[in-house]
Amino acid sequence: MTEPLKITVLISGGGSNLQAIINARDSGRLNVEIAHVISNVAGAGGLGRAEQAGISSTILPQGEFDSREAFDRALALLIAASDPDLVVLAGFMRIIGPAVLEPFQGRLINLHPSLLPLYRGTGTYRRAIESGDRKHGASIHFVTEELDGGPVISQVAIPITAQDSPDSLAERLSPREHDLIVATVELFTRHRVERSVGTVHVDGKELDRPLLLQPDGRLHP
């Protein structure tokens, strides 16, 4: 068996996507070592999930730093301490700066709740409904200096119904986000995906569109 992929997970909230990774590891689907969980919010629920799973965690409160740059330098040092193969931003509500981007280029991925390039930033569920979109979804992309603008690896979509509110849409999308993050991390455990300049390669071939999550929980072009 190959060595587990060592990952660090960054969170700000409840950590349901972290839990999905933990569950997939425990079931044997993901050959990963979750080396470190880092939160910029002291009360983040995901910290309890990490503790229960026996995973090392650190709180890095952004309010304790006098500048964004100082926070980023501290975050970069924390990430580097466990020397991860992959850094997963799973509900990490903080823009990543150059101090983190530069040493971990090609190893940072982010889950964003929209079908990128639509709706970068926040309020994605409301914006999709107000725009009259017929579907919404989530994307996993490589993190770059452009907010939610890095090359997209994978996506999942669900229909928007006439009855949907932002909250109900988020609730329906959440389990599919969990499936998406597990399927995408699985690609990395199998060393099938890598980032080139502005592009994503899977199995050595450049993607011309993101991989789509299918009902069976697998990713296909």
N, C-alpha and C. Protein backbone atom coordinates (compact mmCIF):
# COMPACT_ATOMS: atom_id res chain seq x y z
N MET A 1 0.85 -1.20 0.00
CA MET A 1 0.00 0.00 0.00
C MET A 1 0.88 1.24 0.00
N THR A 2 0.49 2.23 -0.78
CA THR A 2 1.26 3.45 -0.85
C THR A 2 1.12 4.25 0.43
N GLU A 3 2.08 5.15 0.66
CA GLU A 3 2.05 6.01 1.83
C GLU A 3 0.80 6.89 1.80
N PRO A 4 0.18 7.12 2.95
CA PRO A 4 -0.99 8.01 2.97
C PRO A 4 -0.61 9.42 2.54
N LEU A 5 -1.54 10.08 1.89
CA LEU A 5 -1.37 11.48 1.55
C LEU A 5 -1.52 12.30 2.82
N LYS A 6 -0.51 13.10 3.14
CA LYS A 6 -0.57 13.90 4.35
C LYS A 6 -1.27 15.22 4.04
N ILE A 7 -2.35 15.51 4.76
CA ILE A 7 -3.11 16.73 4.48
C ILE A 7 -3.26 17.57 5.75
N THR A 8 -3.37 18.87 5.53
CA THR A 8 -3.74 19.82 6.56
C THR A 8 -5.06 20.45 6.13
N VAL A 9 -6.00 20.58 7.06
CA VAL A 9 -7.32 21.11 6.74
C VAL A 9 -7.51 22.43 7.48
N LEU A 10 -7.92 23.47 6.75
CA LEU A 10 -8.18 24.79 7.31
C LEU A 10 -9.69 25.00 7.41
N ILE A 11 -10.16 25.42 8.58
CA ILE A 11 -11.59 25.60 8.81
C ILE A 11 -11.87 26.91 9.52
N SER A 12 -13.14 27.33 9.46
CA SER A 12 -13.58 28.49 10.23
C SER A 12 -14.88 28.20 10.97
N GLY A 13 -15.55 27.10 10.64
CA GLY A 13 -16.89 26.86 11.18
C GLY A 13 -17.09 25.46 11.70
N GLY A 14 -18.26 24.90 11.36
CA GLY A 14 -18.69 23.64 11.94
C GLY A 14 -17.89 22.42 11.55
N GLY A 15 -17.20 22.48 10.43
CA GLY A 15 -16.32 21.38 10.05
C GLY A 15 -17.01 20.17 9.47
N SER A 16 -18.17 20.36 8.82
CA SER A 16 -18.85 19.19 8.26
C SER A 16 -18.06 18.58 7.10
N ASN A 17 -17.37 19.40 6.35
CA ASN A 17 -16.54 18.85 5.27
C ASN A 17 -15.31 18.14 5.83
N LEU A 18 -14.75 18.67 6.91
CA LEU A 18 -13.68 17.95 7.61
C LEU A 18 -14.19 16.59 8.06
N GLN A 19 -15.40 16.54 8.60
CA GLN A 19 -15.96 15.27 9.06
C GLN A 19 -16.13 14.30 7.91
N ALA A 20 -16.51 14.80 6.74
CA ALA A 20 -16.64 13.93 5.57
C ALA A 20 -15.30 13.29 5.22
N ILE A 21 -14.23 14.05 5.33
CA ILE A 21 -12.89 13.51 5.06
C ILE A 21 -12.52 12.48 6.12
N ILE A 22 -12.79 12.80 7.39
CA ILE A 22 -12.51 11.85 8.47
C ILE A 22 -13.27 10.55 8.25
N ASN A 23 -14.55 10.65 7.92
CA ASN A 23 -15.36 9.45 7.70
C ASN A 23 -14.82 8.61 6.54
N ALA A 24 -14.41 9.29 5.47
CA ALA A 24 -13.89 8.57 4.31
C ALA A 24 -12.55 7.92 4.62
N ARG A 25 -11.76 8.57 5.46
CA ARG A 25 -10.51 7.95 5.92
C ARG A 25 -10.81 6.71 6.74
N ASP A 26 -11.74 6.84 7.68
CA ASP A 26 -12.04 5.73 8.58
C ASP A 26 -12.67 4.55 7.86
N SER A 27 -13.41 4.83 6.78
CA SER A 27 -14.04 3.74 6.01
C SER A 27 -13.06 3.05 5.07
N GLY A 28 -11.89 3.64 4.90
CA GLY A 28 -10.90 3.08 4.00
C GLY A 28 -10.93 3.64 2.60
N ARG A 29 -11.86 4.55 2.32
CA ARG A 29 -11.91 5.11 0.97
C ARG A 29 -10.74 6.05 0.72
N LEU A 30 -10.39 6.89 1.69
CA LEU A 30 -9.31 7.85 1.51
C LEU A 30 -8.06 7.39 2.25
N ASN A 31 -6.99 7.24 1.49
CA ASN A 31 -5.70 6.89 2.07
C ASN A 31 -4.98 8.18 2.45
N VAL A 32 -5.43 8.77 3.57
CA VAL A 32 -4.89 10.06 4.00
C VAL A 32 -4.47 10.01 5.46
N GLU A 33 -3.51 10.85 5.78
CA GLU A 33 -3.18 11.17 7.16
C GLU A 33 -3.56 12.63 7.37
N ILE A 34 -4.55 12.87 8.21
CA ILE A 34 -4.94 14.25 8.51
C ILE A 34 -4.00 14.73 9.61
N ALA A 35 -2.95 15.43 9.21
CA ALA A 35 -1.87 15.75 10.13
C ALA A 35 -2.21 16.92 11.05
N HIS A 36 -3.05 17.84 10.56
CA HIS A 36 -3.25 19.08 11.31
C HIS A 36 -4.55 19.73 10.86
N VAL A 37 -5.31 20.24 11.80
CA VAL A 37 -6.47 21.08 11.52
C VAL A 37 -6.19 22.46 12.10
N ILE A 38 -6.37 23.50 11.30
CA ILE A 38 -6.09 24.86 11.73
C ILE A 38 -7.36 25.69 11.56
N SER A 39 -7.73 26.42 12.60
CA SER A 39 -8.91 27.29 12.54
C SER A 39 -8.52 28.72 12.90
N ASN A 40 -9.09 29.67 12.17
CA ASN A 40 -8.89 31.08 12.51
C ASN A 40 -9.98 31.58 13.45
N VAL A 41 -10.87 30.69 13.88
CA VAL A 41 -11.97 31.04 14.78
C VAL A 41 -11.91 30.13 16.00
N ALA A 42 -11.80 30.74 17.17
CA ALA A 42 -11.60 29.96 18.39
C ALA A 42 -12.75 29.02 18.68
N GLY A 43 -13.98 29.42 18.39
CA GLY A 43 -15.13 28.60 18.72
C GLY A 43 -15.61 27.71 17.59
N ALA A 44 -14.81 27.51 16.58
CA ALA A 44 -15.24 26.72 15.43
C ALA A 44 -15.61 25.30 15.85
N GLY A 45 -16.79 24.86 15.42
CA GLY A 45 -17.25 23.53 15.78
C GLY A 45 -16.37 22.42 15.25
N GLY A 46 -15.68 22.68 14.15
CA GLY A 46 -14.81 21.67 13.58
C GLY A 46 -13.65 21.28 14.48
N LEU A 47 -13.29 22.14 15.41
CA LEU A 47 -12.21 21.81 16.35
C LEU A 47 -12.60 20.63 17.22
N GLY A 48 -13.88 20.59 17.61
CA GLY A 48 -14.36 19.45 18.39
C GLY A 48 -14.32 18.16 17.58
N ARG A 49 -14.64 18.26 16.30
CA ARG A 49 -14.57 17.08 15.44
C ARG A 49 -13.13 16.57 15.35
N ALA A 50 -12.18 17.49 15.22
CA ALA A 50 -10.77 17.09 15.16
C ALA A 50 -10.35 16.41 16.46
N GLU A 51 -10.74 17.00 17.58
CA GLU A 51 -10.36 16.42 18.87
C GLU A 51 -10.94 15.02 19.03
N GLN A 52 -12.20 14.86 18.66
CA GLN A 52 -12.84 13.55 18.80
C GLN A 52 -12.15 12.50 17.94
N ALA A 53 -11.61 12.94 16.79
CA ALA A 53 -10.93 12.01 15.88
C ALA A 53 -9.45 11.86 16.21
N GLY A 54 -8.98 12.54 17.26
CA GLY A 54 -7.58 12.43 17.64
C GLY A 54 -6.62 13.15 16.72
N ILE A 55 -7.10 14.21 16.09
CA ILE A 55 -6.28 14.95 15.13
C ILE A 55 -5.76 16.22 15.81
N SER A 56 -4.48 16.49 15.63
CA SER A 56 -3.87 17.70 16.17
C SER A 56 -4.52 18.93 15.56
N SER A 57 -4.82 19.93 16.41
CA SER A 57 -5.44 21.15 15.90
C SER A 57 -4.83 22.37 16.57
N THR A 58 -4.94 23.49 15.87
CA THR A 58 -4.40 24.76 16.36
C THR A 58 -5.39 25.87 16.05
N ILE A 59 -5.58 26.76 17.00
CA ILE A 59 -6.38 27.97 16.79
C ILE A 59 -5.42 29.12 16.50
N LEU A 60 -5.67 29.80 15.40
CA LEU A 60 -4.86 30.96 15.03
C LEU A 60 -5.80 32.15 14.86
N PRO A 61 -6.16 32.83 15.96
CA PRO A 61 -7.15 33.90 15.87
C PRO A 61 -6.59 35.11 15.12
N GLN A 62 -7.28 35.49 14.05
CA GLN A 62 -6.77 36.58 13.23
C GLN A 62 -6.74 37.90 13.98
N GLY A 63 -7.61 38.05 15.00
CA GLY A 63 -7.65 39.29 15.76
C GLY A 63 -6.42 39.55 16.58
N GLU A 64 -5.58 38.54 16.75
CA GLU A 64 -4.36 38.71 17.54
C GLU A 64 -3.20 39.27 16.73
N PHE A 65 -3.43 39.51 15.45
CA PHE A 65 -2.35 39.99 14.58
C PHE A 65 -2.66 41.41 14.13
N ASP A 66 -1.62 42.22 14.03
CA ASP A 66 -1.83 43.63 13.70
C ASP A 66 -1.91 43.88 12.20
N SER A 67 -1.74 42.84 11.41
CA SER A 67 -1.85 43.02 9.96
C SER A 67 -2.19 41.68 9.32
N ARG A 68 -2.76 41.75 8.12
CA ARG A 68 -3.05 40.54 7.35
C ARG A 68 -1.77 39.79 7.03
N GLU A 69 -0.70 40.54 6.75
CA GLU A 69 0.57 39.91 6.39
C GLU A 69 1.14 39.11 7.56
N ALA A 70 1.01 39.67 8.78
CA ALA A 70 1.53 38.97 9.96
C ALA A 70 0.76 37.67 10.19
N PHE A 71 -0.55 37.71 10.02
CA PHE A 71 -1.36 36.50 10.15
C PHE A 71 -0.93 35.47 9.12
N ASP A 72 -0.74 35.90 7.88
CA ASP A 72 -0.36 34.96 6.82
C ASP A 72 0.99 34.32 7.10
N ARG A 73 1.93 35.09 7.61
CA ARG A 73 3.24 34.51 7.93
C ARG A 73 3.12 33.44 9.01
N ALA A 74 2.31 33.73 10.02
CA ALA A 74 2.10 32.74 11.09
C ALA A 74 1.39 31.50 10.56
N LEU A 75 0.41 31.70 9.69
CA LEU A 75 -0.31 30.57 9.11
C LEU A 75 0.62 29.71 8.27
N ALA A 76 1.48 30.35 7.49
CA ALA A 76 2.42 29.60 6.65
C ALA A 76 3.35 28.74 7.51
N LEU A 77 3.79 29.27 8.62
CA LEU A 77 4.66 28.50 9.52
C LEU A 77 3.92 27.31 10.12
N LEU A 78 2.66 27.52 10.50
CA LEU A 78 1.87 26.44 11.06
C LEU A 78 1.64 25.32 10.05
N ILE A 79 1.32 25.71 8.83
CA ILE A 79 1.11 24.71 7.79
C ILE A 79 2.39 23.94 7.54
N ALA A 80 3.50 24.66 7.42
CA ALA A 80 4.78 24.03 7.11
C ALA A 80 5.23 23.06 8.19
N ALA A 81 4.79 23.28 9.42
CA ALA A 81 5.24 22.44 10.54
C ALA A 81 4.91 20.97 10.33
N SER A 82 3.79 20.68 9.65
CA SER A 82 3.42 19.29 9.42
C SER A 82 3.80 18.81 8.02
N ASP A 83 4.37 19.70 7.20
CA ASP A 83 4.87 19.36 5.86
C ASP A 83 3.85 18.58 5.05
N PRO A 84 2.66 19.17 4.83
CA PRO A 84 1.60 18.42 4.14
C PRO A 84 1.83 18.30 2.64
N ASP A 85 1.28 17.23 2.08
CA ASP A 85 1.26 17.07 0.62
C ASP A 85 0.16 17.93 0.00
N LEU A 86 -0.90 18.18 0.79
CA LEU A 86 -2.07 18.91 0.29
C LEU A 86 -2.67 19.70 1.45
N VAL A 87 -3.09 20.94 1.14
CA VAL A 87 -3.78 21.79 2.11
C VAL A 87 -5.19 22.01 1.60
N VAL A 88 -6.18 21.63 2.42
CA VAL A 88 -7.58 21.69 2.01
C VAL A 88 -8.28 22.80 2.78
N LEU A 89 -8.75 23.81 2.07
CA LEU A 89 -9.54 24.88 2.67
C LEU A 89 -11.00 24.43 2.64
N ALA A 90 -11.52 24.06 3.79
CA ALA A 90 -12.87 23.50 3.88
C ALA A 90 -13.72 24.41 4.75
N GLY A 91 -14.26 25.47 4.13
CA GLY A 91 -15.00 26.45 4.90
C GLY A 91 -14.09 27.40 5.65
N PHE A 92 -12.94 27.70 5.08
CA PHE A 92 -11.99 28.64 5.69
C PHE A 92 -12.31 30.03 5.16
N MET A 93 -12.88 30.87 6.03
CA MET A 93 -13.39 32.17 5.60
C MET A 93 -12.34 33.26 5.76
N ARG A 94 -11.28 33.09 5.01
CA ARG A 94 -10.17 34.04 5.08
C ARG A 94 -9.45 34.01 3.75
N ILE A 95 -9.14 35.17 3.20
CA ILE A 95 -8.39 35.24 1.95
C ILE A 95 -6.93 34.89 2.22
N ILE A 96 -6.38 34.02 1.41
CA ILE A 96 -5.00 33.57 1.56
C ILE A 96 -4.06 34.54 0.85
N GLY A 97 -3.01 34.96 1.55
CA GLY A 97 -2.06 35.91 0.99
C GLY A 97 -0.80 35.26 0.46
N PRO A 98 0.10 36.07 -0.11
CA PRO A 98 1.31 35.55 -0.75
C PRO A 98 2.21 34.72 0.17
N ALA A 99 2.25 35.06 1.45
CA ALA A 99 3.12 34.31 2.37
C ALA A 99 2.74 32.84 2.45
N VAL A 100 1.46 32.54 2.20
CA VAL A 100 0.99 31.16 2.18
C VAL A 100 0.99 30.60 0.75
N LEU A 101 0.58 31.42 -0.19
CA LEU A 101 0.47 30.96 -1.57
C LEU A 101 1.81 30.52 -2.14
N GLU A 102 2.84 31.30 -1.90
CA GLU A 102 4.12 31.04 -2.57
C GLU A 102 4.75 29.71 -2.17
N PRO A 103 4.85 29.39 -0.86
CA PRO A 103 5.50 28.11 -0.53
C PRO A 103 4.64 26.88 -0.80
N PHE A 104 3.34 27.07 -0.98
CA PHE A 104 2.45 25.92 -1.14
C PHE A 104 1.73 25.92 -2.49
N GLN A 105 2.29 26.55 -3.47
CA GLN A 105 1.68 26.58 -4.80
C GLN A 105 1.44 25.16 -5.30
N GLY A 106 0.25 24.94 -5.84
CA GLY A 106 -0.08 23.62 -6.36
C GLY A 106 -0.49 22.63 -5.30
N ARG A 107 -0.47 23.05 -4.03
CA ARG A 107 -0.87 22.16 -2.93
C ARG A 107 -2.04 22.70 -2.14
N LEU A 108 -2.61 23.82 -2.56
CA LEU A 108 -3.73 24.46 -1.87
C LEU A 108 -4.99 24.32 -2.70
N ILE A 109 -6.04 23.70 -2.12
CA ILE A 109 -7.31 23.63 -2.82
C ILE A 109 -8.40 24.18 -1.90
N ASN A 110 -9.45 24.73 -2.52
CA ASN A 110 -10.53 25.38 -1.79
C ASN A 110 -11.88 24.89 -2.30
N LEU A 111 -12.80 24.66 -1.36
CA LEU A 111 -14.19 24.35 -1.71
C LEU A 111 -14.98 25.65 -1.69
N HIS A 112 -15.59 26.00 -2.82
CA HIS A 112 -16.36 27.24 -2.93
C HIS A 112 -17.79 26.90 -3.34
N PRO A 113 -18.80 27.48 -2.66
CA PRO A 113 -20.20 27.12 -2.95
C PRO A 113 -20.81 27.88 -4.12
N SER A 114 -20.26 27.65 -5.30
CA SER A 114 -20.89 28.13 -6.54
C SER A 114 -20.29 27.35 -7.70
N LEU A 115 -20.92 27.49 -8.84
CA LEU A 115 -20.40 26.89 -10.06
C LEU A 115 -19.48 27.91 -10.71
N LEU A 116 -18.26 27.96 -10.22
CA LEU A 116 -17.29 28.92 -10.75
C LEU A 116 -17.17 28.77 -12.27
N PRO A 117 -17.00 29.90 -12.97
CA PRO A 117 -16.63 31.24 -12.49
C PRO A 117 -17.79 32.10 -11.99
N LEU A 118 -18.99 31.54 -11.85
CA LEU A 118 -20.10 32.32 -11.31
C LEU A 118 -19.91 32.57 -9.81
N TYR A 119 -20.27 33.75 -9.38
CA TYR A 119 -20.45 34.09 -7.97
C TYR A 119 -19.23 33.81 -7.10
N ARG A 120 -18.17 34.49 -7.40
CA ARG A 120 -17.02 34.46 -6.50
C ARG A 120 -17.38 35.26 -5.24
N GLY A 121 -16.70 34.97 -4.15
CA GLY A 121 -16.97 35.69 -2.92
C GLY A 121 -18.11 35.08 -2.14
N THR A 122 -18.84 35.91 -1.40
CA THR A 122 -19.86 35.43 -0.46
C THR A 122 -21.28 35.59 -1.02
N GLY A 123 -22.26 35.08 -0.28
CA GLY A 123 -23.67 35.24 -0.66
C GLY A 123 -24.05 34.50 -1.91
N THR A 124 -23.40 33.38 -2.18
CA THR A 124 -23.58 32.72 -3.47
C THR A 124 -24.98 32.15 -3.66
N TYR A 125 -25.58 31.62 -2.59
CA TYR A 125 -26.91 31.01 -2.71
C TYR A 125 -27.95 32.09 -3.06
N ARG A 126 -27.90 33.18 -2.34
CA ARG A 126 -28.83 34.29 -2.61
C ARG A 126 -28.65 34.83 -4.02
N ARG A 127 -27.42 35.00 -4.42
CA ARG A 127 -27.15 35.57 -5.74
C ARG A 127 -27.64 34.66 -6.86
N ALA A 128 -27.49 33.35 -6.68
CA ALA A 128 -27.96 32.40 -7.70
C ALA A 128 -29.48 32.44 -7.81
N ILE A 129 -30.17 32.49 -6.68
CA ILE A 129 -31.64 32.54 -6.69
C ILE A 129 -32.12 33.85 -7.31
N GLU A 130 -31.52 34.96 -6.89
CA GLU A 130 -31.94 36.27 -7.40
C GLU A 130 -31.67 36.42 -8.89
N SER A 131 -30.69 35.70 -9.40
CA SER A 131 -30.38 35.77 -10.83
C SER A 131 -31.27 34.87 -11.67
N GLY A 132 -32.12 34.09 -11.00
CA GLY A 132 -33.02 33.21 -11.74
C GLY A 132 -32.33 31.98 -12.29
N ASP A 133 -31.21 31.59 -11.71
CA ASP A 133 -30.49 30.41 -12.20
C ASP A 133 -31.33 29.15 -11.98
N ARG A 134 -31.16 28.20 -12.86
CA ARG A 134 -31.89 26.93 -12.75
C ARG A 134 -31.11 25.89 -11.96
N LYS A 135 -29.83 26.14 -11.73
CA LYS A 135 -29.03 25.22 -10.93
C LYS A 135 -27.96 25.99 -10.16
N HIS A 136 -27.49 25.37 -9.13
CA HIS A 136 -26.42 25.93 -8.31
C HIS A 136 -25.51 24.76 -7.94
N GLY A 137 -24.39 25.05 -7.31
CA GLY A 137 -23.50 23.96 -6.97
C GLY A 137 -22.28 24.42 -6.23
N ALA A 138 -21.27 23.57 -6.25
CA ALA A 138 -20.01 23.85 -5.56
C ALA A 138 -18.86 23.48 -6.48
N SER A 139 -17.73 24.13 -6.23
CA SER A 139 -16.52 23.89 -7.02
C SER A 139 -15.34 23.71 -6.09
N ILE A 140 -14.39 22.90 -6.52
CA ILE A 140 -13.10 22.82 -5.84
C ILE A 140 -12.05 23.28 -6.82
N HIS A 141 -11.25 24.25 -6.37
CA HIS A 141 -10.27 24.85 -7.26
C HIS A 141 -8.93 25.02 -6.55
N PHE A 142 -7.88 25.12 -7.34
CA PHE A 142 -6.59 25.48 -6.77
C PHE A 142 -6.64 26.94 -6.33
N VAL A 143 -6.02 27.23 -5.20
CA VAL A 143 -6.02 28.58 -4.66
C VAL A 143 -4.89 29.37 -5.31
N THR A 144 -5.24 30.56 -5.80
CA THR A 144 -4.27 31.48 -6.36
C THR A 144 -4.50 32.86 -5.75
N GLU A 145 -3.74 33.84 -6.22
CA GLU A 145 -3.88 35.19 -5.69
C GLU A 145 -5.22 35.83 -6.07
N GLU A 146 -5.90 35.29 -7.07
CA GLU A 146 -7.19 35.82 -7.50
C GLU A 146 -8.30 35.14 -6.71
N LEU A 147 -9.14 35.92 -6.03
CA LEU A 147 -10.18 35.38 -5.16
C LEU A 147 -11.09 34.42 -5.93
N ASP A 148 -11.12 33.17 -5.49
CA ASP A 148 -11.96 32.13 -6.11
C ASP A 148 -11.73 32.05 -7.62
N GLY A 149 -10.50 32.39 -8.03
CA GLY A 149 -10.21 32.46 -9.46
C GLY A 149 -9.22 31.44 -9.97
N GLY A 150 -8.78 30.54 -9.10
CA GLY A 150 -7.81 29.54 -9.54
C GLY A 150 -8.43 28.47 -10.41
N PRO A 151 -7.61 27.67 -11.08
CA PRO A 151 -8.12 26.63 -11.96
C PRO A 151 -9.05 25.67 -11.23
N VAL A 152 -10.21 25.40 -11.83
CA VAL A 152 -11.23 24.55 -11.20
C VAL A 152 -10.95 23.09 -11.53
N ILE A 153 -10.98 22.27 -10.48
CA ILE A 153 -10.73 20.84 -10.63
C ILE A 153 -12.04 20.09 -10.83
N SER A 154 -13.02 20.38 -9.98
CA SER A 154 -14.23 19.56 -9.96
C SER A 154 -15.43 20.38 -9.52
N GLN A 155 -16.61 19.90 -9.88
CA GLN A 155 -17.85 20.59 -9.52
C GLN A 155 -18.98 19.58 -9.29
N VAL A 156 -20.00 20.06 -8.56
CA VAL A 156 -21.24 19.31 -8.42
C VAL A 156 -22.38 20.32 -8.54
N ALA A 157 -23.48 19.91 -9.18
CA ALA A 157 -24.61 20.81 -9.39
C ALA A 157 -25.89 20.17 -8.91
N ILE A 158 -26.81 21.02 -8.40
CA ILE A 158 -28.15 20.57 -8.04
C ILE A 158 -29.14 21.58 -8.60
N PRO A 159 -30.38 21.17 -8.86
CA PRO A 159 -31.37 22.12 -9.38
C PRO A 159 -31.82 23.10 -8.31
N ILE A 160 -32.17 24.30 -8.74
CA ILE A 160 -32.81 25.28 -7.87
C ILE A 160 -34.32 25.18 -8.09
N THR A 161 -35.07 25.02 -7.02
CA THR A 161 -36.52 24.91 -7.13
C THR A 161 -37.18 26.26 -6.84
N ALA A 162 -38.44 26.36 -7.23
CA ALA A 162 -39.18 27.60 -7.00
C ALA A 162 -39.35 27.89 -5.52
N GLN A 163 -39.27 26.87 -4.69
CA GLN A 163 -39.47 27.03 -3.25
C GLN A 163 -38.18 27.34 -2.50
N ASP A 164 -37.05 27.31 -3.19
CA ASP A 164 -35.78 27.45 -2.50
C ASP A 164 -35.56 28.84 -1.93
N SER A 165 -35.01 28.86 -0.73
CA SER A 165 -34.43 30.05 -0.12
C SER A 165 -32.92 29.82 -0.06
N PRO A 166 -32.14 30.84 0.23
CA PRO A 166 -30.70 30.60 0.38
C PRO A 166 -30.39 29.50 1.40
N ASP A 167 -31.13 29.48 2.49
CA ASP A 167 -30.87 28.48 3.52
C ASP A 167 -31.22 27.07 3.05
N SER A 168 -32.35 26.92 2.38
CA SER A 168 -32.74 25.58 1.94
C SER A 168 -31.82 25.09 0.84
N LEU A 169 -31.39 25.99 -0.01
CA LEU A 169 -30.47 25.62 -1.09
C LEU A 169 -29.14 25.17 -0.50
N ALA A 170 -28.64 25.91 0.49
CA ALA A 170 -27.39 25.53 1.15
C ALA A 170 -27.51 24.18 1.83
N GLU A 171 -28.67 23.94 2.47
CA GLU A 171 -28.88 22.67 3.16
C GLU A 171 -28.90 21.50 2.19
N ARG A 172 -29.53 21.68 1.04
CA ARG A 172 -29.60 20.59 0.05
C ARG A 172 -28.25 20.35 -0.61
N LEU A 173 -27.46 21.41 -0.76
CA LEU A 173 -26.17 21.26 -1.42
C LEU A 173 -25.13 20.63 -0.49
N SER A 174 -25.27 20.83 0.80
CA SER A 174 -24.23 20.42 1.75
C SER A 174 -23.79 18.96 1.62
N PRO A 175 -24.69 17.98 1.56
CA PRO A 175 -24.20 16.60 1.45
C PRO A 175 -23.48 16.32 0.14
N ARG A 176 -23.85 17.04 -0.90
CA ARG A 176 -23.15 16.87 -2.18
C ARG A 176 -21.77 17.52 -2.14
N GLU A 177 -21.63 18.60 -1.37
CA GLU A 177 -20.31 19.17 -1.14
C GLU A 177 -19.41 18.16 -0.44
N HIS A 178 -19.97 17.46 0.53
CA HIS A 178 -19.19 16.44 1.24
C HIS A 178 -18.71 15.37 0.26
N ASP A 179 -19.60 14.93 -0.61
CA ASP A 179 -19.21 13.93 -1.61
C ASP A 179 -18.13 14.48 -2.54
N LEU A 180 -18.27 15.76 -2.90
CA LEU A 180 -17.32 16.37 -3.83
C LEU A 180 -15.93 16.45 -3.22
N ILE A 181 -15.85 16.88 -1.97
CA ILE A 181 -14.53 17.05 -1.37
C ILE A 181 -13.84 15.70 -1.19
N VAL A 182 -14.61 14.68 -0.84
CA VAL A 182 -14.02 13.34 -0.70
C VAL A 182 -13.53 12.83 -2.05
N ALA A 183 -14.35 12.94 -3.08
CA ALA A 183 -13.97 12.43 -4.40
C ALA A 183 -12.75 13.18 -4.95
N THR A 184 -12.66 14.47 -4.65
CA THR A 184 -11.54 15.26 -5.18
C THR A 184 -10.26 14.95 -4.43
N VAL A 185 -10.34 14.85 -3.11
CA VAL A 185 -9.14 14.46 -2.35
C VAL A 185 -8.68 13.07 -2.77
N GLU A 186 -9.62 12.20 -3.10
CA GLU A 186 -9.26 10.86 -3.56
C GLU A 186 -8.38 10.92 -4.81
N LEU A 187 -8.68 11.86 -5.71
CA LEU A 187 -7.83 12.03 -6.89
C LEU A 187 -6.38 12.31 -6.49
N PHE A 188 -6.22 13.16 -5.48
CA PHE A 188 -4.87 13.49 -5.03
C PHE A 188 -4.20 12.29 -4.36
N THR A 189 -4.96 11.49 -3.62
CA THR A 189 -4.35 10.31 -2.99
C THR A 189 -3.84 9.34 -4.04
N ARG A 190 -4.43 9.36 -5.20
CA ARG A 190 -4.01 8.47 -6.29
C ARG A 190 -3.03 9.15 -7.24
N HIS A 191 -2.62 10.37 -6.86
CA HIS A 191 -1.64 11.15 -7.65
C HIS A 191 -2.08 11.33 -9.09
N ARG A 192 -3.37 11.59 -9.26
CA ARG A 192 -3.94 11.72 -10.59
C ARG A 192 -4.08 13.17 -11.06
N VAL A 193 -3.92 14.12 -10.14
CA VAL A 193 -4.19 15.51 -10.49
C VAL A 193 -3.01 16.39 -10.12
N GLU A 194 -2.73 17.37 -10.96
CA GLU A 194 -1.70 18.35 -10.67
C GLU A 194 -2.05 19.66 -11.35
N ARG A 195 -1.49 20.72 -10.82
CA ARG A 195 -1.72 22.05 -11.38
C ARG A 195 -0.52 22.46 -12.21
N SER A 196 -0.81 22.95 -13.41
CA SER A 196 0.19 23.65 -14.21
C SER A 196 -0.20 25.13 -14.19
N VAL A 197 0.52 25.96 -14.90
CA VAL A 197 0.23 27.39 -14.89
C VAL A 197 -1.15 27.63 -15.50
N GLY A 198 -2.11 27.99 -14.65
CA GLY A 198 -3.45 28.32 -15.12
C GLY A 198 -4.30 27.16 -15.55
N THR A 199 -3.82 25.92 -15.39
CA THR A 199 -4.58 24.77 -15.86
C THR A 199 -4.52 23.64 -14.83
N VAL A 200 -5.39 22.65 -15.04
CA VAL A 200 -5.39 21.44 -14.23
C VAL A 200 -5.15 20.25 -15.16
N HIS A 201 -4.29 19.36 -14.74
CA HIS A 201 -4.06 18.12 -15.47
C HIS A 201 -4.53 16.94 -14.63
N VAL A 202 -5.29 16.05 -15.23
CA VAL A 202 -5.72 14.81 -14.60
C VAL A 202 -5.25 13.66 -15.47
N ASP A 203 -4.55 12.71 -14.86
CA ASP A 203 -3.96 11.59 -15.59
C ASP A 203 -3.10 12.08 -16.75
N GLY A 204 -2.42 13.22 -16.52
CA GLY A 204 -1.49 13.75 -17.51
C GLY A 204 -2.12 14.54 -18.63
N LYS A 205 -3.45 14.67 -18.61
CA LYS A 205 -4.14 15.39 -19.68
C LYS A 205 -4.77 16.67 -19.14
N GLU A 206 -4.66 17.74 -19.90
CA GLU A 206 -5.24 19.00 -19.47
C GLU A 206 -6.76 18.94 -19.52
N LEU A 207 -7.41 19.39 -18.44
CA LEU A 207 -8.87 19.44 -18.42
C LEU A 207 -9.35 20.63 -19.24
N ASP A 208 -10.33 20.39 -20.09
CA ASP A 208 -10.95 21.51 -20.79
C ASP A 208 -12.21 21.98 -20.09
N ARG A 209 -12.66 21.22 -19.10
CA ARG A 209 -13.78 21.61 -18.24
C ARG A 209 -13.65 20.83 -16.93
N PRO A 210 -14.25 21.33 -15.86
CA PRO A 210 -14.10 20.63 -14.57
C PRO A 210 -14.69 19.23 -14.61
N LEU A 211 -14.12 18.35 -13.80
CA LEU A 211 -14.73 17.05 -13.59
C LEU A 211 -16.05 17.23 -12.86
N LEU A 212 -17.05 16.43 -13.19
CA LEU A 212 -18.37 16.54 -12.58
C LEU A 212 -18.64 15.35 -11.67
N LEU A 213 -19.17 15.64 -10.50
CA LEU A 213 -19.52 14.57 -9.57
C LEU A 213 -20.80 13.90 -10.03
N GLN A 214 -20.75 12.58 -10.14
CA GLN A 214 -21.88 11.80 -10.61
C GLN A 214 -22.66 11.24 -9.41
N PRO A 215 -23.86 10.72 -9.66
CA PRO A 215 -24.66 10.16 -8.55
C PRO A 215 -23.96 9.05 -7.78
N ASP A 216 -23.00 8.36 -8.44
CA ASP A 216 -22.29 7.28 -7.75
C ASP A 216 -21.15 7.78 -6.87
N GLY A 217 -21.01 9.12 -6.79
CA GLY A 217 -19.98 9.71 -5.93
C GLY A 217 -18.61 9.77 -6.56
N ARG A 218 -18.52 9.48 -7.86
CA ARG A 218 -17.24 9.53 -8.55
C ARG A 218 -17.21 10.73 -9.49
N LEU A 219 -16.01 11.09 -9.87
CA LEU A 219 -15.81 12.24 -10.75
C LEU A 219 -15.53 11.77 -12.18
N HIS A 220 -16.21 12.41 -13.12
CA HIS A 220 -16.02 12.11 -14.54
C HIS A 220 -16.01 13.41 -15.32
N PRO A 221 -15.35 13.43 -16.48
CA PRO A 221 -15.35 14.64 -17.32
C PRO A 221 -16.77 15.02 -17.75
